[in-house]
């Protein structure tokens, strides 16, 4: 009898352990890029630039409970201290509940001096246009002719636009997921599980990553990056 009870206890423990393993959430992939904010308001691993000189980072950007709140004013951005070339960047963003949505973006492979706006590839978040690519200040990219256009701007230089294939953003107040895969000269953008854009001929091939402040409050969270390592044959 004791042996049967012992066997039953072992089996129950095994079943319970397997149930816990199955129920446990999978670890999120990649390195967390938003980790903490100092008492002085600086975001660890990031630097800030704003159109109004000497604007403290903490006056625009506040990180609490894993959510980064950008007040939207003055114009500017935070940028990583590290440069990245080939990677998978995942993040979530939303327009705050009860407020008017507006403009925002994620800049990758950003190079050159700080300014409004630096040479980079923008994955746009502007309401209604989330999923568009913009090559800012001469950043090179290409795509299907029917979705592409270029123009010369007196302040921002050459701008190249590659429109999204379909809308995929959610209503204001709801979180959206972005996945940006930068692999060589090809950059692919997925919003809420839908592939909405793919640019080729993307140059330069490395630089810092920026989150923009463009006049409207916007929230970010779960910003994670996984490098794409070239295989050695």
Protein backbone atom coordinates (compact mmCIF):
# COMPACT_ATOMS: atom_id res chain seq x y z
CA UNK A 1 0.00 0.00 0.00
CA UNK A 2 2.81 2.39 0.90
CA UNK A 3 4.54 1.74 -2.41
CA UNK A 4 1.31 2.47 -4.31
CA UNK A 5 0.81 5.70 -2.38
CA UNK A 6 4.42 6.70 -3.03
CA UNK A 7 4.05 5.94 -6.75
CA UNK A 8 0.83 7.96 -6.89
CA UNK A 9 2.52 10.89 -5.14
CA UNK A 10 5.44 10.80 -7.58
CA UNK A 11 3.09 10.70 -10.58
CA UNK A 12 1.04 13.60 -9.20
CA UNK A 13 4.19 15.65 -8.63
CA UNK A 14 5.36 14.94 -12.17
CA UNK A 15 2.02 15.93 -13.67
CA UNK A 16 1.95 19.11 -11.57
CA UNK A 17 5.50 20.00 -12.67
CA UNK A 18 4.64 19.47 -16.35
CA UNK A 19 1.52 21.59 -15.98
CA UNK A 20 3.56 24.40 -14.46
CA UNK A 21 6.10 24.21 -17.30
CA UNK A 22 3.38 24.35 -19.95
CA UNK A 23 1.60 27.24 -18.20
CA UNK A 24 4.76 29.30 -17.67
CA UNK A 25 5.00 32.19 -20.17
CA UNK A 26 7.82 32.00 -22.70
CA UNK A 27 10.71 34.37 -22.07
CA UNK A 28 10.58 37.44 -24.29
CA UNK A 29 13.38 37.40 -26.87
CA UNK A 30 16.14 39.95 -27.06
CA UNK A 31 17.92 42.47 -24.86
CA UNK A 32 15.78 45.02 -23.04
CA UNK A 33 16.77 48.50 -24.22
CA UNK A 34 14.63 50.43 -21.73
CA UNK A 35 15.74 49.37 -18.27
CA UNK A 36 15.82 52.28 -15.84
CA UNK A 37 15.94 56.03 -15.34
CA UNK A 38 18.33 57.82 -13.02
CA UNK A 39 17.30 60.31 -10.35
CA UNK A 40 18.55 63.01 -12.73
CA UNK A 41 16.10 61.81 -15.37
CA UNK A 42 18.59 60.17 -17.73
CA UNK A 43 17.57 56.91 -19.40
CA UNK A 44 20.27 54.28 -18.94
CA UNK A 45 21.80 53.40 -22.31
CA UNK A 46 20.26 56.39 -24.10
CA UNK A 47 21.00 60.05 -24.80
CA UNK A 48 18.48 62.75 -25.65
CA UNK A 49 18.36 65.59 -28.16
CA UNK A 50 15.71 68.28 -28.30
CA UNK A 51 15.13 71.26 -30.53
CA UNK A 52 15.13 73.53 -27.49
CA UNK A 53 18.68 73.46 -26.19
CA UNK A 54 19.40 72.25 -22.64
CA UNK A 55 16.04 70.49 -22.29
CA UNK A 56 16.53 67.77 -19.63
CA UNK A 57 15.69 64.23 -20.72
CA UNK A 58 13.34 63.81 -17.77
CA UNK A 59 11.32 66.89 -18.77
CA UNK A 60 10.12 65.02 -21.87
CA UNK A 61 10.65 61.32 -21.19
CA UNK A 62 9.47 59.50 -18.06
CA UNK A 63 9.93 55.76 -17.46
CA UNK A 64 7.69 54.17 -14.80
CA UNK A 65 6.39 50.62 -14.34
CA UNK A 66 7.95 49.60 -17.65
CA UNK A 67 6.14 52.27 -19.69
CA UNK A 68 8.06 55.14 -21.27
CA UNK A 69 5.89 58.24 -21.59
CA UNK A 70 6.99 60.85 -24.11
CA UNK A 71 5.26 64.20 -23.54
CA UNK A 72 5.87 65.17 -27.18
CA UNK A 73 7.28 68.65 -26.65
CA UNK A 74 9.76 70.01 -27.52
CA UNK A 75 10.59 68.18 -30.74
CA UNK A 76 13.48 65.73 -30.49
CA UNK A 77 14.32 62.15 -29.69
CA UNK A 78 16.19 59.75 -27.48
CA UNK A 79 18.90 57.66 -29.13
CA UNK A 80 20.81 54.59 -28.08
CA UNK A 81 24.43 55.04 -27.11
CA UNK A 82 25.29 51.91 -29.08
CA UNK A 83 25.14 51.51 -32.84
CA UNK A 84 23.37 48.55 -34.40
CA UNK A 85 23.51 47.07 -37.90
CA UNK A 86 21.51 43.87 -38.38
CA UNK A 87 18.84 43.11 -35.80
CA UNK A 88 15.26 42.35 -34.90
CA UNK A 89 13.76 45.24 -32.95
CA UNK A 90 10.47 44.59 -31.15
CA UNK A 91 8.48 47.17 -29.23
CA UNK A 92 4.98 48.25 -28.30
CA UNK A 93 3.51 51.75 -28.63
CA UNK A 94 0.18 53.46 -28.13
CA UNK A 95 -1.49 56.84 -28.17
CA UNK A 96 -2.67 57.58 -24.64
CA UNK A 97 -6.33 56.95 -23.85
CA UNK A 98 -8.50 60.06 -24.02
CA UNK A 99 -5.95 62.17 -25.90
CA UNK A 100 -5.66 63.12 -29.54
CA UNK A 101 -3.23 60.85 -31.45
CA UNK A 102 -0.63 62.52 -33.61
CA UNK A 103 2.93 62.03 -34.79
CA UNK A 104 5.75 59.71 -33.79
CA UNK A 105 8.31 57.32 -35.17
CA UNK A 106 11.17 54.89 -34.70
CA UNK A 107 14.42 55.83 -36.44
CA UNK A 108 16.96 53.12 -37.18
CA UNK A 109 20.50 53.20 -38.59
CA UNK A 110 20.70 56.86 -37.64
CA UNK A 111 23.97 58.63 -38.49
CA UNK A 112 25.40 62.13 -38.55
CA UNK A 113 24.94 65.08 -36.20
CA UNK A 114 21.92 65.52 -33.95
CA UNK A 115 19.24 67.66 -35.59
CA UNK A 116 15.57 67.71 -36.61
CA UNK A 117 15.68 65.21 -38.37
CA UNK A 118 18.90 63.16 -38.68
CA UNK A 119 19.83 60.85 -41.55
CA UNK A 120 17.96 57.63 -40.82
CA UNK A 121 15.29 55.17 -41.87
CA UNK A 122 12.03 55.99 -40.11
CA UNK A 123 9.37 53.42 -39.34
CA UNK A 124 6.56 55.92 -39.04
CA UNK A 125 3.94 55.88 -36.29
CA UNK A 126 1.90 58.93 -37.39
CA UNK A 127 -1.79 58.16 -36.89
CA UNK A 128 -3.18 56.72 -40.10
CA UNK A 129 0.30 56.30 -41.58
CA UNK A 130 1.82 53.77 -39.18
CA UNK A 131 3.82 51.36 -41.29
CA UNK A 132 5.18 53.85 -43.82
CA UNK A 133 8.95 54.05 -44.30
CA UNK A 134 10.69 57.39 -44.71
CA UNK A 135 14.32 57.83 -45.70
CA UNK A 136 15.27 61.05 -43.89
CA UNK A 137 17.99 63.49 -44.96
CA UNK A 138 19.10 61.40 -47.95
CA UNK A 139 18.87 57.94 -46.40
CA UNK A 140 18.63 55.55 -49.36
CA UNK A 141 15.91 52.93 -49.76
CA UNK A 142 13.79 51.53 -52.55
CA UNK A 143 10.60 49.58 -53.13
CA UNK A 144 7.76 49.12 -55.61
CA UNK A 145 7.30 52.22 -57.78
CA UNK A 146 3.58 52.43 -57.11
CA UNK A 147 4.25 52.93 -53.39
CA UNK A 148 7.39 55.09 -53.63
CA UNK A 149 8.01 58.80 -53.94
CA UNK A 150 10.87 61.21 -53.29
CA UNK A 151 11.03 64.94 -52.68
CA UNK A 152 13.50 67.65 -51.78
CA UNK A 153 12.64 69.53 -48.59
CA UNK A 154 14.28 72.93 -47.92
CA UNK A 155 14.91 72.03 -44.26
CA UNK A 156 15.00 68.23 -44.13
CA UNK A 157 16.87 67.46 -47.36
CA UNK A 158 15.98 64.56 -49.63
CA UNK A 159 13.07 62.51 -48.31
CA UNK A 160 12.09 59.10 -49.70
CA UNK A 161 8.75 57.55 -48.83
CA UNK A 162 7.68 53.93 -49.20
CA UNK A 163 4.01 53.60 -48.27
CA UNK A 164 2.69 50.63 -46.29
CA UNK A 165 0.79 47.88 -48.10
CA UNK A 166 -2.20 47.99 -45.73
CA UNK A 167 -3.31 49.64 -42.48
CA UNK A 168 -2.76 47.56 -39.35
CA UNK A 169 -2.69 50.01 -36.42
CA UNK A 170 -5.19 49.87 -33.58
CA UNK A 171 -7.35 52.64 -32.17
CA UNK A 172 -5.92 55.19 -29.76
CA UNK A 173 -5.54 53.80 -26.27
CA UNK A 174 -4.65 50.28 -27.47
CA UNK A 175 -1.14 48.88 -27.61
CA UNK A 176 0.40 48.14 -31.02
CA UNK A 177 3.33 45.81 -31.65
CA UNK A 178 6.15 46.74 -34.02
CA UNK A 179 8.72 44.28 -35.31
CA UNK A 180 11.48 45.79 -37.43
CA UNK A 181 13.88 43.33 -39.04
CA UNK A 182 16.99 45.01 -40.45
CA UNK A 183 19.07 42.45 -42.32
CA UNK A 184 21.67 43.84 -44.69
CA UNK A 185 20.04 46.15 -47.21
CA UNK A 186 16.55 44.78 -46.52
CA UNK A 187 14.30 46.12 -43.75
CA UNK A 188 10.90 44.54 -43.04
CA UNK A 189 8.21 46.04 -40.82
CA UNK A 190 5.43 44.05 -39.13
CA UNK A 191 2.58 45.71 -37.20
CA UNK A 192 0.32 43.65 -34.96
CA UNK A 193 1.35 40.46 -36.75
CA UNK A 194 0.92 41.80 -40.30
CA UNK A 195 3.85 42.44 -42.63
CA UNK A 196 3.07 45.92 -43.96
CA UNK A 197 6.33 47.09 -45.55
CA UNK A 198 9.61 45.88 -46.97
CA UNK A 199 12.35 48.20 -48.18
CA UNK A 200 15.44 47.20 -50.15
CA UNK A 201 18.69 49.00 -50.93
CA UNK A 202 18.75 50.47 -47.41
CA UNK A 203 21.94 52.48 -46.76
CA UNK A 204 23.73 53.28 -44.45
CA UNK A 205 23.70 49.84 -42.91
CA UNK A 206 24.30 50.74 -39.26
CA UNK A 207 23.67 53.48 -36.73
CA UNK A 208 21.85 54.30 -33.53
CA UNK A 209 18.14 53.73 -32.82
CA UNK A 210 15.88 56.66 -31.91
CA UNK A 211 12.38 57.10 -30.48
CA UNK A 212 10.95 60.46 -31.49
CA UNK A 213 9.14 63.29 -29.74
CA UNK A 214 7.00 64.98 -32.39
CA UNK A 215 4.46 67.14 -30.62
CA UNK A 216 2.06 64.53 -29.21
CA UNK A 217 2.16 62.34 -26.12
CA UNK A 218 3.04 58.75 -26.99
CA UNK A 219 3.86 55.67 -24.90
CA UNK A 220 6.42 52.91 -25.48
CA UNK A 221 7.12 49.64 -23.68
CA UNK A 222 8.87 46.27 -24.09
CA UNK A 223 11.61 47.63 -26.36
CA UNK A 224 13.85 44.65 -27.10
CA UNK A 225 16.61 44.01 -29.62
CA UNK A 226 18.04 40.74 -30.90
CA UNK A 227 21.16 41.00 -33.09
CA UNK A 228 21.19 39.06 -36.35
CA UNK A 229 24.49 37.20 -36.42
CA UNK A 230 25.92 36.33 -39.79
CA UNK A 231 26.46 32.61 -40.23
CA UNK A 232 30.00 31.45 -40.91
CA UNK A 233 29.99 28.77 -43.59
